[in-house]
């Protein structure tokens, strides 16, 4: 039984470990975290940091020299595709070249590749810690204009990534991005307006085969929080083919030739422009969950077959030709690969649930959901009783994810959103962090963040709440909704977990049928700011104070 070496043993690598075992390999995994959740699934584990290329190479050479040998090296959903290529290049195994993988890992190098090959992407500038100073923004504004995007050159999950809308937001944003970079370098680039798409592909012997095409749902400026994705993205043929074509042009510019590619691309008023292209399969449950559900193709398994130097027959048999359709921005560029796609046959909808700031006291379902369209409920391992939660500033600070699947896009999306809306985190009462949030506090460089669940009320609307009588002890709040919140302005609003105001108070009645007498204005302000969590937290805090 040949060995395969997989980098990473977290949840995102679980499909790779299971797929490799299905293919008959002995699975050896490495991870810096000796408690990583997927370690028990592997045959052997070695505690090695994924950025320790030499340490991984030493292990790979030992495996290759063993009686079983080494068939391939693979990763998915990590930042370390360059470590894979470094090892493969030195052991004669199939992978992108190390140079190409580095181009696809370091965002400044990535942008330089695109610029050199005239592939559409935003204007940019490299910024290190030494560059940070009062004159930096003025220098950048000579070639770019606000809003800007600032992010580390070498991180994923939107860590340290945010929009700069004003001059006051710039320096704090750059400092954070530099701190989140392993190399202490950030990239500043122009903001691209338009819908965003996440696309996976496998590159094999001159063929570029798209294996997952989703629209990303991004919210909550100044951060870029992916509240979910829907696969497949429903687009007209021209737009679809233009996005795939520019993805392929960008992958070729980086030098990707053997293995996975993952792109985030926006369709702007000028046409498709590349956010980034990584030399790996996507994380965020796309490559290992939503695409296999939607397509009946185990994408991870096909990637492993390529990594082990074999022909991915199922991938090739199911691939459908895509027309090379460069947009006006790159109309003179030659076709980089043969273009194909393995299309989806149904819809997958992934949605995240989030929390306001506080300390977790309890996690529960408000209403048990029995919808068969819900395939997965995936709470984040770090969110548990006693842990600290916050409204996310990146994609690893969300509380969990729901995946629903159906032949109908409408049914899949509704099932995922309904499941999210019924997942509830009770916060410990009397917490200064939660109190501060409910008072509407915000940092000087985070104007209008964290958001209000149902929008910030005007002064005259707040004044109208002063006239309300107290909510009686144990009263059903759903029968006491102020007229203001039944108007057209408010009745259709949804919070980040897909609850309307009416649904929120109904769920409050389920969660807290017994509650103390409540100040109406304070209760409704807590609900408008923090949704169902804010309402329950306020009630629980009053209950503690009344004992």
Protein backbone atom coordinates (compact mmCIF):
# COMPACT_ATOMS: atom_id res chain seq x y z
CA UNK A 1 0.00 0.00 0.00
CA UNK A 2 1.65 3.24 -1.16
CA UNK A 3 1.86 6.26 1.13
CA UNK A 4 0.28 9.60 0.38
CA UNK A 5 1.31 12.67 2.36
CA UNK A 6 -1.47 15.14 3.15
CA UNK A 7 -0.73 18.58 4.56
CA UNK A 8 -3.24 19.55 7.22
CA UNK A 9 -5.48 17.50 9.50
CA UNK A 10 -8.31 19.94 10.15
CA UNK A 11 -11.94 19.65 9.09
CA UNK A 12 -11.17 21.09 5.65
CA UNK A 13 -8.71 18.23 5.04
CA UNK A 14 -11.15 15.50 6.11
CA UNK A 15 -12.41 14.91 2.53
CA UNK A 16 -8.81 14.53 1.33
CA UNK A 17 -7.98 11.95 3.99
CA UNK A 18 -11.14 9.94 3.34
CA UNK A 19 -10.74 10.15 -0.45
CA UNK A 20 -7.14 8.98 -0.28
CA UNK A 21 -8.17 5.99 1.82
CA UNK A 22 -10.93 5.15 -0.68
CA UNK A 23 -8.25 5.14 -3.38
CA UNK A 24 -6.29 2.58 -1.37
CA UNK A 25 -3.44 4.75 -0.07
CA UNK A 26 -1.85 4.69 3.35
CA UNK A 27 -2.54 8.22 4.59
CA UNK A 28 0.19 10.12 6.38
CA UNK A 29 -0.79 13.59 7.62
CA UNK A 30 1.20 16.47 9.05
CA UNK A 31 -0.09 19.42 11.06
CA UNK A 32 1.30 21.80 13.66
CA UNK A 33 -1.73 21.07 15.84
CA UNK A 34 -1.49 17.67 17.51
CA UNK A 35 -5.21 17.91 18.42
CA UNK A 36 -6.45 18.56 14.85
CA UNK A 37 -9.87 16.95 14.38
CA UNK A 38 -9.06 14.71 11.40
CA UNK A 39 -5.91 13.10 12.84
CA UNK A 40 -7.80 9.96 13.98
CA UNK A 41 -8.85 9.32 10.37
CA UNK A 42 -5.24 9.07 9.15
CA UNK A 43 -2.93 6.06 9.33
CA UNK A 44 0.04 8.07 10.61
CA UNK A 45 0.45 11.58 12.02
CA UNK A 46 3.53 13.77 12.38
CA UNK A 47 3.50 17.10 14.17
CA UNK A 48 5.17 19.39 11.63
CA UNK A 49 4.27 23.02 10.92
CA UNK A 50 2.94 23.32 7.36
CA UNK A 51 5.28 26.21 6.61
CA UNK A 52 8.28 24.03 7.55
CA UNK A 53 9.07 22.99 3.99
CA UNK A 54 12.37 21.32 4.93
CA UNK A 55 10.79 19.30 7.71
CA UNK A 56 8.03 18.10 5.38
CA UNK A 57 10.60 17.32 2.68
CA UNK A 58 12.63 15.20 5.09
CA UNK A 59 9.53 13.18 5.95
CA UNK A 60 8.57 12.85 2.27
CA UNK A 61 12.03 11.59 1.34
CA UNK A 62 11.88 9.01 4.12
CA UNK A 63 8.44 7.85 2.96
CA UNK A 64 9.61 7.65 -0.64
CA UNK A 65 12.60 5.54 0.37
CA UNK A 66 10.42 3.18 2.42
CA UNK A 67 9.11 -0.13 1.16
CA UNK A 68 5.65 1.38 0.53
CA UNK A 69 7.03 4.40 -1.35
CA UNK A 70 5.31 7.76 -1.76
CA UNK A 71 2.63 8.25 -4.44
CA UNK A 72 1.94 11.94 -3.96
CA UNK A 73 1.67 15.00 -1.73
CA UNK A 74 -1.60 16.92 -1.44
CA UNK A 75 -3.41 19.68 0.42
CA UNK A 76 -6.81 21.36 0.24
CA UNK A 77 -8.20 24.34 2.14
CA UNK A 78 -4.81 25.45 3.51
CA UNK A 79 -2.39 28.28 2.70
CA UNK A 80 0.43 25.85 1.99
CA UNK A 81 0.18 24.70 -1.62
CA UNK A 82 3.71 26.11 -2.03
CA UNK A 83 4.95 23.65 0.57
CA UNK A 84 3.39 20.84 -1.49
CA UNK A 85 5.12 22.02 -4.67
CA UNK A 86 8.44 22.50 -2.88
CA UNK A 87 8.40 18.89 -1.71
CA UNK A 88 7.11 17.50 -5.03
CA UNK A 89 9.70 19.35 -7.08
CA UNK A 90 12.48 17.79 -5.01
CA UNK A 91 11.02 14.29 -4.95
CA UNK A 92 9.90 14.04 -8.58
CA UNK A 93 6.17 13.96 -7.82
CA UNK A 94 3.31 15.57 -9.74
CA UNK A 95 2.42 19.17 -8.80
CA UNK A 96 2.58 22.76 -9.96
CA UNK A 97 6.15 24.05 -10.04
CA UNK A 98 7.33 25.67 -6.81
CA UNK A 99 7.66 28.99 -8.65
CA UNK A 100 4.06 28.78 -9.87
CA UNK A 101 2.76 27.78 -6.43
CA UNK A 102 4.61 30.70 -4.87
CA UNK A 103 3.10 33.03 -7.47
CA UNK A 104 -0.30 31.68 -6.42
CA UNK A 105 0.42 32.09 -2.70
CA UNK A 106 1.91 35.57 -2.36
CA UNK A 107 -0.56 38.20 -3.51
CA UNK A 108 2.00 40.76 -4.65
CA UNK A 109 3.73 38.18 -6.86
CA UNK A 110 0.32 37.12 -8.10
CA UNK A 111 -0.53 40.70 -9.11
CA UNK A 112 2.83 41.09 -10.85
CA UNK A 113 2.13 37.95 -12.91
CA UNK A 114 -1.27 39.29 -13.93
CA UNK A 115 0.15 42.71 -14.77
CA UNK A 116 2.96 41.24 -16.87
CA UNK A 117 0.51 39.13 -18.88
CA UNK A 118 -2.21 41.84 -19.15
CA UNK A 119 -4.73 39.79 -17.15
CA UNK A 120 -7.43 42.06 -15.64
CA UNK A 121 -6.87 42.74 -11.94
CA UNK A 122 -6.90 45.87 -9.77
CA UNK A 123 -4.11 48.41 -9.36
CA UNK A 124 -1.98 47.55 -6.31
CA UNK A 125 1.00 48.45 -4.14
CA UNK A 126 3.15 46.38 -1.79
CA UNK A 127 3.41 47.76 1.76
CA UNK A 128 5.74 46.56 4.53
CA UNK A 129 5.97 47.60 8.15
CA UNK A 130 8.77 50.02 7.26
CA UNK A 131 6.53 51.82 4.73
CA UNK A 132 3.82 52.69 7.24
CA UNK A 133 3.74 56.42 7.94
CA UNK A 134 1.66 59.56 7.63
CA UNK A 135 2.59 60.12 3.97
CA UNK A 136 1.82 56.60 2.74
CA UNK A 137 -1.83 57.16 1.84
CA UNK A 138 -1.09 60.34 -0.11
CA UNK A 139 1.54 58.45 -2.09
CA UNK A 140 -0.91 55.63 -2.89
CA UNK A 141 -3.72 58.00 -3.85
CA UNK A 142 -1.58 59.30 -6.72
CA UNK A 143 -2.19 55.99 -8.53
CA UNK A 144 -5.38 54.72 -6.82
CA UNK A 145 -8.54 56.17 -5.34
CA UNK A 146 -10.75 55.41 -2.34
CA UNK A 147 -12.21 52.99 -1.48
CA UNK A 148 -9.18 50.74 -1.20
CA UNK A 149 -8.76 47.14 -0.07
CA UNK A 150 -5.97 46.20 2.35
CA UNK A 151 -4.96 42.59 3.06
CA UNK A 152 -1.96 40.47 4.04
CA UNK A 153 -0.03 39.07 1.09
CA UNK A 154 -0.01 35.52 2.48
CA UNK A 155 -3.13 34.65 4.46
CA UNK A 156 -6.58 33.20 3.74
CA UNK A 157 -10.07 33.35 5.24
CA UNK A 158 -10.12 37.17 4.89
CA UNK A 159 -7.93 37.51 7.99
CA UNK A 160 -6.66 41.08 8.17
CA UNK A 161 -8.59 41.99 5.02
CA UNK A 162 -10.86 45.02 4.90
CA UNK A 163 -12.09 47.97 2.90
CA UNK A 164 -10.66 51.43 3.51
CA UNK A 165 -13.48 53.93 2.96
CA UNK A 166 -11.94 57.04 4.51
CA UNK A 167 -8.48 58.43 5.17
CA UNK A 168 -9.00 57.84 8.91
CA UNK A 169 -9.43 54.10 8.34
CA UNK A 170 -6.23 53.66 6.36
CA UNK A 171 -3.34 53.40 8.83
CA UNK A 172 -5.16 51.15 11.36
CA UNK A 173 -6.14 48.86 8.46
CA UNK A 174 -2.60 48.60 7.09
CA UNK A 175 -1.15 47.93 10.54
CA UNK A 176 -3.64 45.08 11.08
CA UNK A 177 -2.94 43.57 7.66
CA UNK A 178 0.83 43.64 8.27
CA UNK A 179 0.33 42.00 11.69
CA UNK A 180 -1.75 39.22 10.06
CA UNK A 181 0.94 38.49 7.46
CA UNK A 182 3.48 35.75 8.12
CA UNK A 183 6.07 37.86 6.28
CA UNK A 184 4.98 41.25 7.62
CA UNK A 185 3.83 42.49 4.21
CA UNK A 186 0.44 43.78 3.06
CA UNK A 187 -1.03 44.63 -0.30
CA UNK A 188 -3.14 47.72 -0.96
CA UNK A 189 -5.34 47.62 -4.03
CA UNK A 190 -8.27 49.38 -5.61
CA UNK A 191 -11.72 48.15 -4.65
CA UNK A 192 -13.65 46.31 -7.36
CA UNK A 193 -17.42 46.80 -7.42
CA UNK A 194 -19.55 43.89 -8.60
CA UNK A 195 -20.81 40.39 -7.76
CA UNK A 196 -18.11 37.95 -6.63
CA UNK A 197 -17.65 34.36 -7.72
CA UNK A 198 -15.58 31.50 -6.33
CA UNK A 199 -14.44 28.98 -8.94
CA UNK A 200 -12.44 25.76 -8.56
CA UNK A 201 -10.58 24.02 -11.36
CA UNK A 202 -8.16 21.18 -12.01
CA UNK A 203 -5.30 21.63 -14.48
CA UNK A 204 -4.20 18.45 -16.22
CA UNK A 205 -2.09 18.00 -19.37
CA UNK A 206 -3.10 21.31 -20.93
CA UNK A 207 -6.74 20.99 -19.94
CA UNK A 208 -8.36 23.49 -17.57
CA UNK A 209 -11.44 21.83 -16.09
CA UNK A 210 -13.77 23.92 -13.91
CA UNK A 211 -15.03 21.91 -10.94
CA UNK A 212 -17.29 24.26 -9.04
CA UNK A 213 -18.68 27.69 -9.87
CA UNK A 214 -20.41 29.51 -7.01
CA UNK A 215 -21.64 33.00 -6.30
CA UNK A 216 -20.32 34.31 -2.98
CA UNK A 217 -22.58 36.34 -0.70
CA UNK A 218 -20.34 39.02 0.86
CA UNK A 219 -21.59 41.52 3.45
CA UNK A 220 -20.75 43.87 6.32
CA UNK A 221 -18.38 46.62 5.29
CA UNK A 222 -15.66 47.47 6.00
CA UNK A 223 -14.99 43.71 6.20
CA UNK A 224 -15.64 41.04 3.59
CA UNK A 225 -17.66 38.42 5.42
CA UNK A 226 -18.86 35.55 3.27
CA UNK A 227 -22.27 34.77 4.73
CA UNK A 228 -22.58 31.87 2.31
CA UNK A 229 -22.30 30.69 -1.26
CA UNK A 230 -24.74 29.19 -3.74
CA UNK A 231 -23.66 26.64 -6.32
CA UNK A 232 -24.01 26.72 -9.23
CA UNK A 233 -24.06 30.43 -9.95
CA UNK A 234 -26.90 31.07 -12.39
CA UNK A 235 -25.54 33.27 -15.18
CA UNK A 236 -26.00 33.90 -18.88
CA UNK A 237 -23.55 32.01 -21.09
CA UNK A 238 -21.44 35.04 -22.06
CA UNK A 239 -20.83 36.09 -18.46
CA UNK A 240 -20.17 32.49 -17.40
CA UNK A 241 -17.65 31.88 -20.19
CA UNK A 242 -15.92 35.25 -19.67
CA UNK A 243 -15.36 34.45 -15.98
CA UNK A 244 -13.91 31.02 -16.75
CA UNK A 245 -11.73 32.46 -19.53
CA UNK A 246 -10.18 35.15 -17.32
CA UNK A 247 -9.64 32.56 -14.57
CA UNK A 248 -7.73 30.39 -17.04
CA UNK A 249 -5.68 33.37 -18.25
CA UNK A 250 -4.73 34.19 -14.66
CA UNK A 251 -3.82 30.59 -13.84
CA UNK A 252 -1.60 30.47 -16.93
CA UNK A 253 0.04 33.77 -15.97
CA UNK A 254 0.99 32.27 -12.61
CA UNK A 255 2.33 29.15 -14.33
CA UNK A 256 -0.15 26.61 -12.91
CA UNK A 257 0.19 23.37 -14.87
CA UNK A 258 -0.60 20.28 -12.77
CA UNK A 259 -3.14 20.31 -9.97
CA UNK A 260 -5.77 22.52 -8.43
CA UNK A 261 -6.57 26.20 -8.93
CA UNK A 262 -9.04 28.33 -7.01
CA UNK A 263 -10.18 31.82 -8.03
CA UNK A 264 -12.13 34.68 -6.49
CA UNK A 265 -13.29 36.88 -9.38
CA UNK A 266 -15.57 39.89 -9.53
CA UNK A 267 -17.66 40.82 -12.52
CA UNK A 268 -17.24 44.60 -12.66
CA UNK A 269 -18.71 47.20 -15.00
CA UNK A 270 -15.57 46.68 -17.11
CA UNK A 271 -15.90 42.89 -17.13
CA UNK A 272 -14.29 40.14 -15.03
CA UNK A 273 -11.37 41.15 -12.80
CA UNK A 274 -9.39 38.73 -10.67
CA UNK A 275 -9.28 39.08 -6.91
CA UNK A 276 -6.91 36.15 -6.47
CA UNK A 277 -6.00 32.73 -7.81
CA UNK A 278 -4.55 30.13 -5.43
CA UNK A 279 -2.87 26.87 -6.42
CA UNK A 280 -5.13 24.68 -4.32
CA UNK A 281 -8.72 23.58 -3.90
CA UNK A 282 -10.99 25.98 -2.05
CA UNK A 283 -11.85 25.88 1.62
CA UNK A 284 -15.14 27.21 2.96
CA UNK A 285 -16.86 23.82 2.42
CA UNK A 286 -16.90 24.33 -1.36
CA UNK A 287 -14.52 21.75 -2.81
CA UNK A 288 -15.17 19.09 -0.19
CA UNK A 289 -18.90 19.52 0.39
CA UNK A 290 -21.08 21.79 -1.75
CA UNK A 291 -19.59 20.91 -5.15
CA UNK A 292 -19.64 17.11 -4.65
CA UNK A 293 -23.25 17.40 -3.43
CA UNK A 294 -24.24 19.49 -6.45
CA UNK A 295 -22.32 17.54 -9.10
CA UNK A 296 -21.97 13.94 -7.87
CA UNK A 297 -18.22 14.28 -8.52
CA UNK A 298 -15.72 13.80 -5.71
CA UNK A 299 -13.48 16.69 -6.69
CA UNK A 300 -10.94 16.00 -3.96
CA UNK A 301 -10.50 12.43 -5.16
CA UNK A 302 -9.87 13.65 -8.71
CA UNK A 303 -7.27 16.10 -7.40
CA UNK A 304 -5.53 13.31 -5.49
CA UNK A 305 -5.48 11.11 -8.59
CA UNK A 306 -3.65 13.88 -10.46
CA UNK A 307 -1.29 14.45 -7.52
CA UNK A 308 -0.39 10.77 -7.60
CA UNK A 309 0.51 10.91 -11.30
CA UNK A 310 -2.54 9.07 -12.59
CA UNK A 311 -5.21 9.95 -15.16
CA UNK A 312 -8.47 11.31 -13.67
CA UNK A 313 -10.77 9.30 -15.93
CA UNK A 314 -14.10 10.28 -14.34
CA UNK A 315 -13.15 13.96 -14.48
CA UNK A 316 -12.22 13.74 -18.16
CA UNK A 317 -15.28 11.67 -19.08
CA UNK A 318 -17.67 14.20 -17.54
CA UNK A 319 -15.94 17.38 -18.73
CA UNK A 320 -17.99 19.55 -21.11
CA UNK A 321 -16.31 22.01 -23.48
CA UNK A 322 -16.38 25.72 -22.56
CA UNK A 323 -15.99 28.40 -25.22
CA UNK A 324 -12.97 30.65 -24.78
CA UNK A 325 -14.59 34.08 -24.39
CA UNK A 326 -12.15 36.78 -23.28
CA UNK A 327 -13.77 40.06 -22.22
CA UNK A 328 -12.92 43.41 -23.75
CA UNK A 329 -10.20 43.90 -21.12
CA UNK A 330 -8.24 40.91 -22.43
CA UNK A 331 -9.68 40.35 -25.91
CA UNK A 332 -6.26 40.10 -27.57
CA UNK A 333 -4.88 37.37 -25.27
CA UNK A 334 -4.48 33.87 -26.67
CA UNK A 335 -6.40 30.93 -25.24
CA UNK A 336 -4.22 29.50 -22.42
CA UNK A 337 -5.61 25.95 -22.08
CA UNK A 338 -8.38 23.77 -23.46
CA UNK A 339 -11.38 24.87 -21.38
CA UNK A 340 -13.90 22.46 -19.84
CA UNK A 341 -16.37 22.26 -16.97
CA UNK A 342 -18.03 19.45 -15.05
CA UNK A 343 -21.43 21.10 -14.48
CA UNK A 344 -23.68 20.73 -11.47
CA UNK A 345 -26.91 18.73 -11.61
CA UNK A 346 -28.54 20.28 -8.51
CA UNK A 347 -28.08 23.24 -6.14
CA UNK A 348 -26.05 23.43 -2.94
CA UNK A 349 -26.56 26.38 -0.62
CA UNK A 350 -24.12 27.04 2.21
CA UNK A 351 -25.02 29.65 4.83
CA UNK A 352 -23.17 30.79 7.96
CA UNK A 353 -24.56 31.72 11.33
CA UNK A 354 -23.04 34.46 13.44
CA UNK A 355 -23.16 35.89 16.94
CA UNK A 356 -23.04 39.28 18.58
CA UNK A 357 -20.15 39.82 21.05
CA UNK A 358 -20.21 37.91 24.32
CA UNK A 359 -19.53 34.64 26.16
CA UNK A 360 -21.32 31.44 25.14
CA UNK A 361 -23.61 30.05 27.83
CA UNK A 362 -25.63 27.59 25.77
CA UNK A 363 -26.14 26.50 22.13
CA UNK A 364 -29.47 25.12 20.96
CA UNK A 365 -31.99 24.85 18.14
CA UNK A 366 -35.03 27.05 18.65
CA UNK A 367 -37.15 24.81 16.46
CA UNK A 368 -35.92 21.38 15.46
CA UNK A 369 -35.60 21.31 11.69
CA UNK A 370 -36.52 18.16 9.84
CA UNK A 371 -36.07 19.42 6.29
CA UNK A 372 -34.41 16.63 4.33
CA UNK A 373 -32.70 19.25 2.17
CA UNK A 374 -30.39 20.07 5.10
CA UNK A 375 -27.34 17.87 4.61
CA UNK A 376 -24.86 19.28 7.15
CA UNK A 377 -24.85 21.33 10.35
CA UNK A 378 -21.24 22.33 10.95
CA UNK A 379 -20.58 24.27 14.16
CA UNK A 380 -17.11 25.72 14.48
CA UNK A 381 -15.09 23.70 16.98
CA UNK A 382 -13.92 26.83 18.81
CA UNK A 383 -17.51 27.89 19.60
CA UNK A 384 -18.43 26.07 22.79
CA UNK A 385 -19.77 26.77 26.25
CA UNK A 386 -17.56 29.37 27.92
CA UNK A 387 -15.86 30.53 24.71
CA UNK A 388 -15.77 34.14 23.56
CA UNK A 389 -17.66 35.07 20.40
CA UNK A 390 -17.75 38.26 18.39
CA UNK A 391 -19.37 39.56 15.24
CA UNK A 392 -16.94 38.28 12.60
CA UNK A 393 -14.28 40.45 11.04
CA UNK A 394 -13.05 37.54 8.91
CA UNK A 395 -14.32 34.19 7.69
CA UNK A 396 -12.85 32.11 10.50
CA UNK A 397 -14.77 33.98 13.22
CA UNK A 398 -18.22 32.79 12.14
CA UNK A 399 -19.99 30.39 14.49
CA UNK A 400 -20.87 27.67 12.04
CA UNK A 401 -22.31 26.70 8.69
CA UNK A 402 -25.35 24.95 7.26
CA UNK A 403 -25.41 23.18 3.90
CA UNK A 404 -28.66 22.35 2.11
CA UNK A 405 -29.08 20.59 -1.23
CA UNK A 406 -32.00 20.31 -3.63
CA UNK A 407 -32.94 20.03 -7.28
CA UNK A 408 -34.54 23.44 -6.71
CA UNK A 409 -32.35 26.45 -5.97
CA UNK A 410 -35.22 28.09 -4.10
CA UNK A 411 -35.71 25.07 -1.82
CA UNK A 412 -31.97 24.69 -1.12
CA UNK A 413 -31.53 28.34 -0.20
CA UNK A 414 -34.66 28.45 1.98
CA UNK A 415 -33.73 25.24 3.81
CA UNK A 416 -30.24 26.55 4.61
CA UNK A 417 -31.53 29.92 5.78
CA UNK A 418 -34.31 28.38 7.88
CA UNK A 419 -31.80 26.11 9.62
CA UNK A 420 -29.50 29.06 10.34
CA UNK A 421 -32.39 31.13 11.70
CA UNK A 422 -33.20 28.40 14.22
CA UNK A 423 -29.66 27.97 15.54
CA UNK A 424 -29.26 30.00 18.72
CA UNK A 425 -26.37 30.90 21.02
CA UNK A 426 -27.37 32.07 24.49
CA UNK A 427 -24.90 34.60 25.87
CA UNK A 428 -24.01 34.93 29.54
CA UNK A 429 -25.80 37.94 31.05
CA UNK A 430 -24.16 40.98 32.65
CA UNK A 431 -21.20 41.02 30.24
CA UNK A 432 -19.53 44.41 29.59
CA UNK A 433 -18.57 43.28 26.08
CA UNK A 434 -22.19 42.54 25.13
CA UNK A 435 -23.46 45.65 26.94
CA UNK A 436 -21.01 47.78 24.99
CA UNK A 437 -22.22 46.33 21.71
CA UNK A 438 -25.91 46.82 22.58
CA UNK A 439 -25.20 50.47 23.40
CA UNK A 440 -24.13 50.88 19.78
CA UNK A 441 -20.44 51.42 20.43
CA UNK A 442 -18.06 51.31 17.47
CA UNK A 443 -14.35 51.93 16.92
CA UNK A 444 -13.25 55.15 15.17
CA UNK A 445 -11.94 53.16 12.19
CA UNK A 446 -15.02 50.86 12.01
CA UNK A 447 -17.87 53.24 11.32
CA UNK A 448 -21.24 51.39 11.20
CA UNK A 449 -19.63 48.13 12.35
CA UNK A 450 -20.65 45.80 13.92
CA UNK A 451 -24.00 46.23 12.14
CA UNK A 452 -27.44 46.64 13.65
CA UNK A 453 -29.66 43.58 13.27
CA UNK A 454 -32.54 45.62 11.88
CA UNK A 455 -30.99 49.00 11.22
CA UNK A 456 -30.27 51.99 13.42
CA UNK A 457 -33.39 53.85 14.50
CA UNK A 458 -33.83 57.59 14.04
CA UNK A 459 -34.10 59.89 17.06
CA UNK A 460 -37.85 60.44 16.54
CA UNK A 461 -38.39 56.66 16.40
CA UNK A 462 -36.46 56.21 19.63
CA UNK A 463 -38.58 58.94 21.17
CA UNK A 464 -41.76 57.09 20.21
CA UNK A 465 -40.59 54.10 22.27
CA UNK A 466 -40.51 56.25 25.42
CA UNK A 467 -44.32 56.22 25.47
CA UNK A 468 -44.58 52.43 25.61
CA UNK A 469 -45.75 50.80 28.82
CA UNK A 470 -43.49 48.12 30.37
CA UNK A 471 -43.71 44.55 29.07
CA UNK A 472 -45.45 42.58 31.85
CA UNK A 473 -43.76 39.63 33.51
CA UNK A 474 -44.09 36.43 31.42
CA UNK A 475 -46.13 38.24 28.74
CA UNK A 476 -46.02 37.06 25.14
CA UNK A 477 -43.99 39.74 23.42
CA UNK A 478 -45.27 38.69 19.99
CA UNK A 479 -48.62 40.27 20.93
CA UNK A 480 -46.94 43.54 21.96
CA UNK A 481 -44.98 44.53 18.85
CA UNK A 482 -45.00 48.34 18.57
CA UNK A 483 -46.85 49.70 15.55
CA UNK A 484 -43.57 51.23 14.32
CA UNK A 485 -42.13 47.76 13.64
CA UNK A 486 -45.16 46.59 11.67
CA UNK A 487 -44.74 49.31 9.05
CA UNK A 488 -43.46 48.60 5.54
CA UNK A 489 -40.09 50.10 6.52
CA UNK A 490 -39.45 47.35 9.08
CA UNK A 491 -41.69 44.34 8.54
CA UNK A 492 -39.62 42.75 5.74
CA UNK A 493 -36.16 43.37 7.24
CA UNK A 494 -34.03 40.32 8.09
CA UNK A 495 -31.05 40.11 10.42
CA UNK A 496 -27.81 38.23 9.63
CA UNK A 497 -29.43 34.94 10.66
CA UNK A 498 -32.48 35.44 8.36
CA UNK A 499 -35.04 36.35 11.04
CA UNK A 500 -37.60 39.13 10.61
CA UNK A 501 -38.68 41.22 13.61
CA UNK A 502 -41.92 39.21 13.87
CA UNK A 503 -40.01 35.92 13.74
CA UNK A 504 -37.57 37.23 16.33
CA UNK A 505 -40.24 38.02 18.92
CA UNK A 506 -41.98 34.69 18.26
CA UNK A 507 -38.69 32.93 18.97
CA UNK A 508 -38.19 35.05 22.07
CA UNK A 509 -41.53 33.72 23.33
CA UNK A 510 -40.32 30.16 22.73
CA UNK A 511 -36.94 30.72 24.40
CA UNK A 512 -38.14 32.85 27.33
CA UNK A 513 -41.79 32.08 28.16
CA UNK A 514 -40.82 33.05 31.70
CA UNK A 515 -39.20 36.49 31.93
CA UNK A 516 -39.21 39.44 34.31
CA UNK A 517 -41.03 42.71 33.79
CA UNK A 518 -39.10 44.51 31.03
CA UNK A 519 -38.59 48.15 30.11
CA UNK A 520 -40.13 48.31 26.63
CA UNK A 521 -37.74 50.83 25.12
CA UNK A 522 -34.67 48.98 26.42
CA UNK A 523 -36.03 45.64 25.20
CA UNK A 524 -36.84 46.84 21.69
CA UNK A 525 -33.55 48.69 21.38
CA UNK A 526 -31.70 45.50 22.37
CA UNK A 527 -33.68 43.53 19.80
CA UNK A 528 -33.16 46.07 17.01
CA UNK A 529 -29.42 46.13 17.68
CA UNK A 530 -28.73 42.48 18.48
CA UNK A 531 -31.65 40.47 17.12
CA UNK A 532 -32.91 37.47 19.09
CA UNK A 533 -29.59 37.23 20.96
CA UNK A 534 -29.87 40.86 22.06
CA UNK A 535 -33.46 40.41 23.22
CA UNK A 536 -32.73 37.24 25.22
CA UNK A 537 -29.52 38.70 26.67
CA UNK A 538 -31.35 41.82 27.84
CA UNK A 539 -34.12 39.75 29.47
CA UNK A 540 -31.61 37.44 31.19
CA UNK A 541 -29.59 40.42 32.46
CA UNK A 542 -32.73 42.03 33.92
CA UNK A 543 -33.64 38.68 35.53
CA UNK A 544 -30.22 38.46 37.21
CA UNK A 545 -30.54 42.04 38.47
CA UNK A 546 -34.01 41.42 39.91
CA UNK A 547 -32.94 38.47 42.05
